[in-house]
Amino acid sequence: MRVTVEVVGEDERDVEVEPEATYADLLSGVEVSPHEATVLVDGQPVPEDGNVEAEHVQVLRLVKGG
């Protein structure tokens, strides 16, 4: 499954994931730790252990280096 991942304030990428992939797997595909970000589907947060069902998600970084 191909998912468009928009990392808010940064960029947008297409990521290929397996059929049973979780949102944590999706974060790994864009090199973001689940400890530093939340995945949003239609503006609502989803659990990192939930199966990916959306074709477009937003990743909101909660922690940014500095």
C-alpha atoms as a PDB file:
ATOM      1  CA  MET A   1       0.000   0.000   0.000  1.00  0.00           C
ATOM      2  CA  ARG A   2       1.264   3.444  -0.871  1.00  0.00           C
ATOM      3  CA  VAL A   3       0.685   6.184   1.713  1.00  0.00           C
ATOM      4  CA  THR A   4       1.346   9.892   1.311  1.00  0.00           C
ATOM      5  CA  VAL A   5       2.963  11.132   4.518  1.00  0.00           C
ATOM      6  CA  GLU A   6       3.006  14.862   5.177  1.00  0.00           C
ATOM      7  CA  VAL A   7       5.484  15.794   7.895  1.00  0.00           C
ATOM      8  CA  VAL A   8       3.930  19.091   8.992  1.00  0.00           C
ATOM      9  CA  GLY A   9       6.266  22.029   8.404  1.00  0.00           C
ATOM     10  CA  GLU A  10       8.788  19.908   6.530  1.00  0.00           C
ATOM     11  CA  ASP A  11       7.908  17.838   3.472  1.00  0.00           C
ATOM     12  CA  GLU A  12       5.619  15.256   1.945  1.00  0.00           C
ATOM     13  CA  ARG A  13       6.688  11.769   0.868  1.00  0.00           C
ATOM     14  CA  ASP A  14       5.116   8.651  -0.556  1.00  0.00           C
ATOM     15  CA  VAL A  15       5.883   5.580   1.533  1.00  0.00           C
ATOM     16  CA  GLU A  16       5.230   1.964   0.549  1.00  0.00           C
ATOM     17  CA  VAL A  17       4.050  -0.180   3.487  1.00  0.00           C
ATOM     18  CA  GLU A  18       3.074  -3.826   3.895  1.00  0.00           C
ATOM     19  CA  PRO A  19      -0.651  -4.662   4.187  1.00  0.00           C
ATOM     20  CA  GLU A  20      -0.435  -5.252   7.969  1.00  0.00           C
ATOM     21  CA  ALA A  21       1.809  -2.247   8.701  1.00  0.00           C
ATOM     22  CA  THR A  22       1.166  -0.094  11.762  1.00  0.00           C
ATOM     23  CA  TYR A  23       1.406   3.668  12.056  1.00  0.00           C
ATOM     24  CA  ALA A  24       4.685   3.139  13.963  1.00  0.00           C
ATOM     25  CA  ASP A  25       6.007   1.292  10.881  1.00  0.00           C
ATOM     26  CA  LEU A  26       4.909   4.240   8.769  1.00  0.00           C
ATOM     27  CA  LEU A  27       6.823   6.647  11.012  1.00  0.00           C
ATOM     28  CA  SER A  28       9.892   4.472  10.635  1.00  0.00           C
ATOM     29  CA  GLY A  29       9.507   4.828   6.861  1.00  0.00           C
ATOM     30  CA  VAL A  30       9.977   8.602   7.166  1.00  0.00           C
ATOM     31  CA  GLU A  31      12.709   8.254   9.828  1.00  0.00           C
ATOM     32  CA  VAL A  32      10.649   9.722  12.684  1.00  0.00           C
ATOM     33  CA  SER A  33      10.465   8.076  16.101  1.00  0.00           C
ATOM     34  CA  PRO A  34       7.000   7.364  17.533  1.00  0.00           C
ATOM     35  CA  HIS A  35       8.299   8.971  20.738  1.00  0.00           C
ATOM     36  CA  GLU A  36       8.647  12.348  19.045  1.00  0.00           C
ATOM     37  CA  ALA A  37       5.583  12.517  16.791  1.00  0.00           C
ATOM     38  CA  THR A  38       1.878  11.865  16.440  1.00  0.00           C
ATOM     39  CA  VAL A  39       0.181  10.552  13.317  1.00  0.00           C
ATOM     40  CA  LEU A  40      -3.036  12.303  12.308  1.00  0.00           C
ATOM     41  CA  VAL A  41      -5.715  10.931   9.980  1.00  0.00           C
ATOM     42  CA  ASP A  42      -8.344  13.502   8.995  1.00  0.00           C
ATOM     43  CA  GLY A  43      -6.996  15.731  11.771  1.00  0.00           C
ATOM     44  CA  GLN A  44      -7.457  13.103  14.489  1.00  0.00           C
ATOM     45  CA  PRO A  45      -4.606  11.265  16.241  1.00  0.00           C
ATOM     46  CA  VAL A  46      -4.368   7.518  15.674  1.00  0.00           C
ATOM     47  CA  PRO A  47      -2.662   4.911  17.895  1.00  0.00           C
ATOM     48  CA  GLU A  48       0.846   3.991  16.780  1.00  0.00           C
ATOM     49  CA  ASP A  49      -0.017   0.284  17.007  1.00  0.00           C
ATOM     50  CA  GLY A  50      -3.092   0.656  14.775  1.00  0.00           C
ATOM     51  CA  ASN A  51      -3.035  -0.780  11.255  1.00  0.00           C
ATOM     52  CA  VAL A  52      -2.506   1.732   8.468  1.00  0.00           C
ATOM     53  CA  GLU A  53      -5.791   2.224   6.631  1.00  0.00           C
ATOM     54  CA  ALA A  54      -5.482   5.783   5.311  1.00  0.00           C
ATOM     55  CA  GLU A  55      -3.853   6.781   2.028  1.00  0.00           C
ATOM     56  CA  HIS A  56      -2.839  10.207   3.376  1.00  0.00           C
ATOM     57  CA  VAL A  57      -1.611  11.016   6.868  1.00  0.00           C
ATOM     58  CA  GLN A  58      -0.018  13.950   8.624  1.00  0.00           C
ATOM     59  CA  VAL A  59       2.873  13.562  11.036  1.00  0.00           C
ATOM     60  CA  LEU A  60       3.081  16.212  13.712  1.00  0.00           C
ATOM     61  CA  ARG A  61       6.459  16.372  15.410  1.00  0.00           C
ATOM     62  CA  LEU A  62       6.074  16.995  19.128  1.00  0.00           C
ATOM     63  CA  VAL A  63       9.806  17.346  19.783  1.00  0.00           C
ATOM     64  CA  LYS A  64      12.217  19.189  17.547  1.00  0.00           C
ATOM     65  CA  GLY A  65      15.998  19.275  17.932  1.00  0.00           C
ATOM     66  CA  GLY A  66      17.648  22.508  18.822  1.00  0.00           C
END
